[in-house]
């Protein structure tokens, strides 16, 4: 039920209020990420880049991890919010786009081409404070077979609504390793710079970042259910509190049983 409600909220953001068309509960329940950590993206899949050149996914992997977003660029609501939020969050990283990581956005609409991505990319880049790395944000469009191969590999499930000519899709990014394997999922529209930082260090097998970055991975734990990194100490406190509560309950049960036994012997 929670999944369906969350998907309905995302769908509402991505459609016109005046002509909103609700998908069925069954359709909405499929709009989500299936976590496929460790699976490989189809490196031999071909797309067209922002300049119209035919490229394979392989060309974006090798030296550094990749942040992958899946969008469609005629979306006027959810997708621009997600891309704007991501670029703002990248401002808080000690890493620079193009030096320590690559940003890759792929359209899930096979009807879109290089001419459809220019405005969306230009708008979002206005919020990025390190323009020296702007050329390392690649925006791809492709045919349905290539799109399906990529979305399936990373567990990105979406639904196309014919009546509204729009897509209901999950919000979030996938952090990929330099080899093109799924590393981490980060959910939502506004991303924590700390989560992005740790996900990139994680995905690089700790080959990037400083000693401090690697130390932070010891102090933080990745929660796949929330797509967030939480302080390990906080988790230990929570577990300790839970164990303490169970201990109190167990003590009360023992005391009650003891009193009852005493009462029976007295009778």
Protein backbone atom coordinates (compact mmCIF):
# COMPACT_ATOMS: atom_id res chain seq x y z
CA UNK A 1 0.00 0.00 0.00
CA UNK A 2 2.84 2.41 0.86
CA UNK A 3 4.48 1.69 -2.50
CA UNK A 4 1.29 2.49 -4.36
CA UNK A 5 0.79 5.74 -2.43
CA UNK A 6 4.37 6.84 -3.08
CA UNK A 7 4.06 6.07 -6.77
CA UNK A 8 0.78 8.00 -6.93
CA UNK A 9 2.50 11.04 -5.43
CA UNK A 10 5.28 10.88 -8.04
CA UNK A 11 2.73 10.47 -10.82
CA UNK A 12 0.83 13.53 -9.59
CA UNK A 13 4.04 15.58 -9.81
CA UNK A 14 4.65 14.39 -13.34
CA UNK A 15 1.27 15.14 -14.93
CA UNK A 16 -0.94 18.16 -15.59
CA UNK A 17 -3.40 18.79 -12.77
CA UNK A 18 -6.09 19.89 -15.21
CA UNK A 19 -6.00 16.68 -17.22
CA UNK A 20 -4.65 14.23 -14.66
CA UNK A 21 -5.37 10.59 -15.46
CA UNK A 22 -4.93 8.10 -12.65
CA UNK A 23 -3.26 4.79 -13.38
CA UNK A 24 -4.59 1.65 -11.76
CA UNK A 25 -3.27 0.49 -8.42
CA UNK A 26 -1.68 -2.51 -10.13
CA UNK A 27 0.18 -0.25 -12.56
CA UNK A 28 1.30 2.12 -9.82
CA UNK A 29 2.60 -0.75 -7.68
CA UNK A 30 5.13 -1.59 -10.39
CA UNK A 31 6.66 1.90 -10.42
CA UNK A 32 9.79 1.39 -8.31
CA UNK A 33 13.44 0.46 -8.20
CA UNK A 34 14.35 -3.21 -7.90
CA UNK A 35 17.73 -3.25 -6.21
CA UNK A 36 20.19 -5.13 -8.40
CA UNK A 37 23.47 -4.29 -6.73
CA UNK A 38 26.38 -5.93 -8.52
CA UNK A 39 24.58 -6.42 -11.84
CA UNK A 40 26.23 -4.98 -14.96
CA UNK A 41 24.72 -2.41 -17.28
CA UNK A 42 24.71 -3.34 -21.01
CA UNK A 43 28.01 -1.76 -22.00
CA UNK A 44 27.45 -2.69 -25.65
CA UNK A 45 24.11 -0.83 -25.84
CA UNK A 46 24.18 2.11 -28.27
CA UNK A 47 22.68 5.57 -27.82
CA UNK A 48 23.08 9.04 -29.27
CA UNK A 49 24.84 11.65 -27.16
CA UNK A 50 23.91 15.32 -26.75
CA UNK A 51 25.75 16.11 -30.00
CA UNK A 52 23.97 13.42 -32.02
CA UNK A 53 26.95 11.04 -32.23
CA UNK A 54 26.34 7.30 -31.84
CA UNK A 55 28.02 6.06 -28.66
CA UNK A 56 28.12 2.88 -26.59
CA UNK A 57 27.77 2.86 -22.83
CA UNK A 58 31.24 1.35 -22.65
CA UNK A 59 32.76 4.71 -23.58
CA UNK A 60 31.64 6.25 -20.26
CA UNK A 61 33.22 3.66 -17.99
CA UNK A 62 36.75 2.80 -16.98
CA UNK A 63 38.51 5.59 -15.11
CA UNK A 64 35.84 6.65 -12.60
CA UNK A 65 32.39 5.87 -11.14
CA UNK A 66 29.25 7.10 -12.88
CA UNK A 67 26.08 8.68 -11.46
CA UNK A 68 23.18 7.51 -13.65
CA UNK A 69 19.83 9.27 -13.91
CA UNK A 70 16.90 8.01 -15.97
CA UNK A 71 14.51 10.73 -17.13
CA UNK A 72 12.49 11.98 -20.05
CA UNK A 73 13.13 15.51 -21.11
CA UNK A 74 9.69 16.76 -22.10
CA UNK A 75 8.61 16.17 -18.48
CA UNK A 76 7.74 19.56 -16.98
CA UNK A 77 7.53 18.54 -13.33
CA UNK A 78 9.36 15.65 -11.67
CA UNK A 79 12.40 15.28 -13.92
CA UNK A 80 13.55 18.94 -13.81
CA UNK A 81 13.15 18.92 -10.03
CA UNK A 82 15.26 15.77 -9.76
CA UNK A 83 18.02 17.07 -12.03
CA UNK A 84 18.09 20.49 -10.33
CA UNK A 85 18.27 18.81 -6.91
CA UNK A 86 21.08 16.54 -8.04
CA UNK A 87 23.20 19.36 -9.50
CA UNK A 88 22.74 21.42 -6.31
CA UNK A 89 23.83 18.45 -4.22
CA UNK A 90 26.93 17.98 -6.37
CA UNK A 91 28.00 21.47 -5.29
CA UNK A 92 28.52 20.10 -1.79
CA UNK A 93 30.94 17.38 -2.89
CA UNK A 94 34.70 17.63 -2.48
CA UNK A 95 34.84 15.95 -5.91
CA UNK A 96 34.51 17.61 -9.31
CA UNK A 97 32.41 16.34 -12.19
CA UNK A 98 34.73 15.08 -14.91
CA UNK A 99 37.66 14.57 -12.56
CA UNK A 100 36.47 12.09 -9.94
CA UNK A 101 33.13 11.00 -11.44
CA UNK A 102 30.93 11.14 -14.55
CA UNK A 103 27.26 12.11 -14.74
CA UNK A 104 25.13 10.21 -17.26
CA UNK A 105 21.45 10.96 -17.96
CA UNK A 106 19.50 8.66 -20.28
CA UNK A 107 16.04 9.35 -21.68
CA UNK A 108 13.43 6.61 -21.17
CA UNK A 109 11.40 7.99 -24.10
CA UNK A 110 12.58 6.48 -27.39
CA UNK A 111 10.92 9.33 -29.33
CA UNK A 112 13.34 11.88 -27.91
CA UNK A 113 16.57 12.82 -29.66
CA UNK A 114 19.58 15.11 -29.10
CA UNK A 115 17.51 18.18 -29.85
CA UNK A 116 15.22 17.44 -26.90
CA UNK A 117 17.93 17.38 -24.24
CA UNK A 118 19.64 20.72 -24.74
CA UNK A 119 17.24 22.91 -22.75
CA UNK A 120 16.99 20.49 -19.82
CA UNK A 121 20.76 20.16 -19.58
CA UNK A 122 21.39 23.90 -19.89
CA UNK A 123 18.81 24.74 -17.24
CA UNK A 124 20.16 22.29 -14.68
CA UNK A 125 23.78 23.31 -15.30
CA UNK A 126 22.97 26.85 -14.21
CA UNK A 127 22.80 25.49 -10.67
CA UNK A 128 26.20 23.79 -10.81
CA UNK A 129 29.02 25.84 -9.32
CA UNK A 130 31.92 24.01 -11.00
CA UNK A 131 31.34 24.65 -14.72
CA UNK A 132 34.81 23.32 -15.53
CA UNK A 133 33.32 19.82 -15.31
CA UNK A 134 30.12 20.49 -17.28
CA UNK A 135 31.36 18.55 -20.32
CA UNK A 136 31.41 15.37 -18.22
CA UNK A 137 27.61 15.40 -17.96
CA UNK A 138 26.46 13.31 -20.90
CA UNK A 139 22.80 13.14 -21.92
CA UNK A 140 21.79 10.20 -24.08
CA UNK A 141 18.77 9.19 -26.14
CA UNK A 142 18.21 5.85 -27.84
CA UNK A 143 15.87 3.26 -29.27
CA UNK A 144 13.52 1.19 -27.14
CA UNK A 145 15.71 -1.93 -27.13
CA UNK A 146 18.67 -0.02 -25.68
CA UNK A 147 16.46 1.74 -23.14
CA UNK A 148 14.87 -1.53 -22.05
CA UNK A 149 18.25 -3.23 -21.68
CA UNK A 150 19.54 -0.44 -19.42
CA UNK A 151 16.42 0.03 -17.29
CA UNK A 152 16.13 -3.72 -16.76
CA UNK A 153 19.78 -4.01 -15.73
CA UNK A 154 19.44 -1.36 -13.00
CA UNK A 155 15.91 -2.36 -11.91
CA UNK A 156 14.23 0.88 -13.02
CA UNK A 157 10.50 0.11 -13.47
CA UNK A 158 8.24 2.71 -15.07
CA UNK A 159 4.84 2.90 -16.77
CA UNK A 160 3.83 4.83 -19.87
CA UNK A 161 0.34 6.35 -19.86
CA UNK A 162 -0.93 6.54 -23.43
CA UNK A 163 -3.81 8.87 -22.57
CA UNK A 164 -1.60 11.50 -20.98
CA UNK A 165 1.53 10.80 -23.06
CA UNK A 166 3.57 10.77 -19.85
CA UNK A 167 5.60 8.36 -17.76
CA UNK A 168 5.20 7.36 -14.13
CA UNK A 169 8.65 6.46 -12.85
CA UNK A 170 10.61 6.24 -9.59
CA UNK A 171 12.73 9.16 -8.43
CA UNK A 172 16.36 8.55 -7.64
CA UNK A 173 19.83 7.95 -9.05
CA UNK A 174 22.03 4.89 -9.46
CA UNK A 175 25.74 5.08 -8.67
CA UNK A 176 27.71 2.72 -10.92
CA UNK A 177 31.23 1.39 -10.51
CA UNK A 178 33.97 2.16 -13.07
CA UNK A 179 33.32 -1.34 -14.47
CA UNK A 180 29.66 -0.53 -15.10
CA UNK A 181 28.21 -2.48 -12.18
CA UNK A 182 25.38 -1.24 -9.95
CA UNK A 183 26.87 0.10 -6.73
CA UNK A 184 24.32 2.11 -4.78
CA UNK A 185 20.80 3.53 -5.14
CA UNK A 186 19.91 6.95 -3.75
CA UNK A 187 16.20 7.76 -3.69
CA UNK A 188 14.25 10.99 -3.87
CA UNK A 189 14.42 14.42 -5.49
CA UNK A 190 16.83 16.18 -3.13
CA UNK A 191 20.04 14.29 -2.48
CA UNK A 192 22.35 14.55 0.49
CA UNK A 193 25.86 15.58 -0.54
CA UNK A 194 27.16 13.22 2.14
CA UNK A 195 25.22 10.29 0.65
CA UNK A 196 26.53 11.08 -2.83
CA UNK A 197 30.07 11.39 -1.51
CA UNK A 198 29.98 8.04 0.30
CA UNK A 199 28.23 6.29 -2.60
CA UNK A 200 30.95 7.45 -5.02
CA UNK A 201 33.73 6.33 -2.67
CA UNK A 202 31.91 3.03 -2.19
CA UNK A 203 31.44 2.52 -5.93
CA UNK A 204 35.12 3.22 -6.60
CA UNK A 205 36.09 0.47 -4.13
CA UNK A 206 37.63 3.25 -2.02
CA UNK A 207 40.11 4.11 -4.76
CA UNK A 208 38.95 7.71 -4.78
CA UNK A 209 38.65 10.24 -2.00
CA UNK A 210 40.85 11.06 0.96
CA UNK A 211 41.62 9.11 4.12
CA UNK A 212 38.73 11.02 5.70
CA UNK A 213 36.34 9.79 3.01
CA UNK A 214 37.39 6.20 3.57
CA UNK A 215 37.11 6.64 7.33
CA UNK A 216 33.56 7.93 6.92
CA UNK A 217 32.59 4.62 5.31
CA UNK A 218 33.48 2.96 8.61
CA UNK A 219 31.31 5.40 10.53
CA UNK A 220 28.31 5.23 8.18
CA UNK A 221 26.14 2.32 7.13
CA UNK A 222 24.29 2.12 3.81
CA UNK A 223 20.62 1.23 4.23
CA UNK A 224 19.27 -0.28 0.98
CA UNK A 225 15.66 0.19 2.07
CA UNK A 226 15.97 3.97 2.34
CA UNK A 227 18.85 4.51 -0.08
CA UNK A 228 20.64 6.52 2.61
CA UNK A 229 23.82 6.38 4.66
CA UNK A 230 23.15 6.55 8.40
CA UNK A 231 25.70 6.97 11.21
CA UNK A 232 26.72 3.56 12.50
CA UNK A 233 26.80 4.87 16.07
CA UNK A 234 23.17 5.95 15.73
CA UNK A 235 22.24 2.46 14.57
CA UNK A 236 24.09 0.94 17.51
CA UNK A 237 22.19 3.22 19.89
CA UNK A 238 18.92 2.18 18.28
CA UNK A 239 19.79 -1.49 18.52
CA UNK A 240 20.91 -1.00 22.11
CA UNK A 241 17.65 0.73 22.97
CA UNK A 242 15.66 -2.08 21.36
CA UNK A 243 17.64 -4.73 23.25
CA UNK A 244 17.21 -2.75 26.47
CA UNK A 245 13.44 -2.61 25.95
CA UNK A 246 13.33 -6.36 25.33
CA UNK A 247 15.37 -6.89 28.47
CA UNK A 248 12.91 -4.85 30.55
CA UNK A 249 9.96 -6.80 29.11
CA UNK A 250 11.70 -10.10 29.87
CA UNK A 251 12.43 -8.98 33.45
CA UNK A 252 8.81 -7.97 34.00
CA UNK A 253 7.63 -11.36 32.69
CA UNK A 254 10.01 -13.20 35.05
CA UNK A 255 8.88 -11.11 38.04
CA UNK A 256 5.20 -11.63 37.27
CA UNK A 257 5.66 -15.39 36.96
CA UNK A 258 7.63 -15.45 40.22
CA UNK A 259 4.86 -13.59 42.05
CA UNK A 260 2.24 -15.95 40.67
CA UNK A 261 4.23 -19.00 41.78
CA UNK A 262 4.58 -17.51 45.29
CA UNK A 263 0.86 -16.84 45.38
CA UNK A 264 0.07 -20.49 44.45
CA UNK A 265 2.41 -21.87 47.13
CA UNK A 266 0.84 -19.58 49.77
CA UNK A 267 -2.66 -20.74 48.78
